[in-house]
Amino acid sequence: MTIVRLDQDFTRWGELLALILAAFASMNGRIDPPSSALKLTTESLAEKARAEIGHVVLDGEKLIGCLFLRPETDCLYVGKLAVLPEVQGKGLGKRLLAIAEETAASLGLAALRLETRIELTDNHAVFAAWGFSRTVEKAHPGFARTTFVEMRKVLASRTRTA
């Protein structure tokens, strides 16, 4: 398995979109509003990769996972963490989050932030096991009830030596 940072040479947008849709398919019909993944196109995904820090995981030539990171004022936002269903539960998500932690440290950011839907309690448990804590409940525009939770992981401070 190889984890590669997306750059201008990456052209496999259709495959990456298919990976994200497959990884998020189990949410269809379980979450309301529907996942923003359903609105992605190859063009919007390419734009996302230009605006954010993207990584893909390759098993040989097959795309099996991805991660998008967006620096914010006090943290690194973790978005579109996706792993193909047939390889979930094998530690790949945790490996991708290690890359997020390394990226945050290199940018001088002391925390990771992510959002997960209120209905996906299994995701809440996984992220909690990985060191994330629930920080706030929020609602999508037009919803009076909580639709997602924000979770944060404060990173251990690393002192740099010369």
Protein backbone atom coordinates (compact mmCIF):
# COMPACT_ATOMS: atom_id res chain seq x y z
CA MET A 1 0.00 0.00 0.00
CA THR A 2 1.21 3.46 -0.91
CA ILE A 3 -0.13 6.82 0.27
CA VAL A 4 0.42 9.61 -2.24
CA ARG A 5 -0.23 13.34 -1.94
CA LEU A 6 -2.37 14.64 -4.78
CA ASP A 7 -0.61 17.01 -7.15
CA GLN A 8 -1.14 18.52 -10.60
CA ASP A 9 -0.18 15.21 -12.24
CA PHE A 10 -3.14 13.34 -10.74
CA THR A 11 -5.82 12.66 -13.37
CA ARG A 12 -7.87 9.78 -11.96
CA TRP A 13 -10.80 11.94 -10.83
CA GLY A 14 -13.50 9.51 -11.98
CA GLU A 15 -11.93 6.68 -9.99
CA LEU A 16 -11.52 8.92 -6.94
CA LEU A 17 -15.15 10.00 -7.15
CA ALA A 18 -16.25 6.34 -7.42
CA LEU A 19 -14.14 5.50 -4.34
CA ILE A 20 -15.75 8.28 -2.27
CA LEU A 21 -19.26 7.33 -3.40
CA ALA A 22 -18.62 3.65 -2.58
CA ALA A 23 -17.20 4.52 0.84
CA PHE A 24 -20.15 6.78 1.69
CA ALA A 25 -22.86 4.54 0.13
CA SER A 26 -23.80 2.98 3.48
CA MET A 27 -25.01 6.43 4.59
CA ASN A 28 -27.58 6.68 1.80
CA GLY A 29 -31.02 6.57 3.40
CA ARG A 30 -29.51 6.73 6.92
CA ILE A 31 -28.64 10.41 7.13
CA ASP A 32 -30.68 13.51 6.47
CA PRO A 33 -29.75 15.71 4.69
CA PRO A 34 -27.99 13.38 2.23
CA SER A 35 -24.19 13.34 2.14
CA SER A 36 -22.42 16.17 0.35
CA ALA A 37 -20.45 13.39 -1.39
CA LEU A 38 -23.49 12.89 -3.63
CA LYS A 39 -23.03 16.42 -5.01
CA LEU A 40 -19.39 15.89 -5.98
CA THR A 41 -18.40 15.78 -9.63
CA THR A 42 -15.04 15.03 -11.18
CA GLU A 43 -14.63 18.77 -11.74
CA SER A 44 -15.54 19.76 -8.17
CA LEU A 45 -13.29 17.03 -6.81
CA ALA A 46 -10.35 18.34 -8.86
CA GLU A 47 -11.07 21.84 -7.53
CA LYS A 48 -11.23 20.48 -3.97
CA ALA A 49 -7.80 18.92 -4.49
CA ARG A 50 -6.40 22.26 -5.68
CA ALA A 51 -7.85 24.12 -2.68
CA GLU A 52 -7.03 21.53 -0.02
CA ILE A 53 -4.35 18.97 0.81
CA GLY A 54 -5.42 15.65 -0.67
CA HIS A 55 -3.99 12.16 -0.33
CA VAL A 56 -4.93 8.88 -1.98
CA VAL A 57 -4.10 5.34 -0.98
CA LEU A 58 -3.08 2.89 -3.69
CA ASP A 59 -3.04 -0.87 -3.45
CA GLY A 60 -1.01 -1.58 -6.56
CA GLU A 61 -2.82 0.61 -9.08
CA LYS A 62 -6.23 0.48 -7.33
CA LEU A 63 -7.45 3.53 -5.39
CA ILE A 64 -8.67 2.24 -2.02
CA GLY A 65 -8.73 5.33 0.22
CA CYS A 66 -8.46 9.10 0.38
CA LEU A 67 -8.29 12.04 2.71
CA PHE A 68 -8.71 15.79 2.27
CA LEU A 69 -7.27 18.31 4.73
CA ARG A 70 -7.98 22.03 5.06
CA PRO A 71 -5.92 24.27 7.35
CA GLU A 72 -8.05 26.53 9.56
CA THR A 73 -7.00 29.19 12.05
CA ASP A 74 -6.46 26.89 15.02
CA CYS A 75 -6.73 23.38 13.60
CA LEU A 76 -6.61 21.14 10.55
CA TYR A 77 -10.02 20.13 9.19
CA VAL A 78 -10.25 16.48 8.17
CA GLY A 79 -12.76 15.92 5.38
CA LYS A 80 -13.75 13.17 2.98
CA LEU A 81 -11.85 10.48 4.85
CA ALA A 82 -12.94 7.56 2.68
CA VAL A 83 -11.93 3.90 2.54
CA LEU A 84 -13.45 1.32 0.20
CA PRO A 85 -15.90 -0.91 2.11
CA GLU A 86 -13.94 -4.09 1.35
CA VAL A 87 -10.83 -2.76 3.09
CA GLN A 88 -12.48 -0.96 6.01
CA GLY A 89 -11.54 -2.16 9.48
CA LYS A 90 -7.93 -2.92 8.55
CA GLY A 91 -6.28 0.21 9.97
CA LEU A 92 -6.23 2.31 6.81
CA GLY A 93 -8.36 5.11 8.29
CA LYS A 94 -6.02 5.30 11.26
CA ARG A 95 -3.01 5.49 8.91
CA LEU A 96 -4.66 8.36 7.04
CA LEU A 97 -5.32 10.19 10.31
CA ALA A 98 -1.63 9.79 11.18
CA ILE A 99 -0.90 11.71 7.97
CA ALA A 100 -3.37 14.37 9.12
CA GLU A 101 -1.52 14.63 12.44
CA GLU A 102 1.85 14.92 10.69
CA THR A 103 0.43 17.60 8.37
CA ALA A 104 -1.03 19.55 11.30
CA ALA A 105 2.31 19.42 13.12
CA SER A 106 4.18 20.62 10.03
CA LEU A 107 1.75 23.57 9.78
CA GLY A 108 2.04 24.39 13.49
CA LEU A 109 -1.60 23.47 14.16
CA ALA A 110 -2.37 21.88 17.53
CA ALA A 111 -5.60 20.02 16.74
CA LEU A 112 -7.57 18.08 14.16
CA ARG A 113 -11.28 18.80 13.57
CA LEU A 114 -13.87 16.73 11.77
CA GLU A 115 -17.62 16.54 11.41
CA THR A 116 -19.74 13.41 11.40
CA ARG A 117 -23.46 12.93 11.07
CA ILE A 118 -25.52 12.54 14.23
CA GLU A 119 -26.98 9.24 12.96
CA LEU A 120 -23.57 7.62 12.46
CA THR A 121 -22.93 6.59 16.06
CA ASP A 122 -20.54 3.87 14.89
CA ASN A 123 -18.33 6.61 13.40
CA HIS A 124 -18.52 8.57 16.66
CA ALA A 125 -17.20 5.52 18.53
CA VAL A 126 -14.36 4.95 16.05
CA PHE A 127 -13.25 8.58 16.17
CA ALA A 128 -13.47 8.57 19.99
CA ALA A 129 -11.24 5.48 20.05
CA TRP A 130 -8.78 7.42 17.87
CA GLY A 131 -8.63 10.24 20.42
CA PHE A 132 -11.34 12.61 19.20
CA SER A 133 -13.83 14.25 21.57
CA ARG A 134 -17.25 15.65 20.76
CA THR A 135 -17.13 19.42 20.99
CA VAL A 136 -20.40 20.72 19.60
CA GLU A 137 -23.64 19.63 17.95
CA LYS A 138 -24.85 21.57 14.93
CA ALA A 139 -27.64 21.62 12.36
CA HIS A 140 -27.48 22.01 8.59
CA PRO A 141 -29.32 25.06 7.22
CA GLY A 142 -33.07 24.49 7.26
CA PHE A 143 -32.98 21.85 10.02
CA ALA A 144 -34.28 22.51 13.55
CA ARG A 145 -32.66 19.36 14.95
CA THR A 146 -29.02 18.39 15.33
CA THR A 147 -27.74 16.85 12.08
CA PHE A 148 -24.01 16.56 12.78
CA VAL A 149 -21.43 16.68 15.52
CA GLU A 150 -18.02 18.26 15.49
CA MET A 151 -15.17 16.30 17.02
CA ARG A 152 -11.63 17.49 17.82
CA LYS A 153 -8.39 15.82 18.68
CA VAL A 154 -5.81 17.90 20.49
CA LEU A 155 -2.39 16.81 19.35
CA ALA A 156 0.51 16.23 21.69
CA SER A 157 2.85 19.19 21.49
CA ARG A 158 6.09 18.32 19.83
CA THR A 159 9.16 20.25 20.68
CA ARG A 160 11.56 20.71 17.84
CA THR A 161 15.23 20.30 18.32
CA ALA A 162 17.85 21.88 16.12
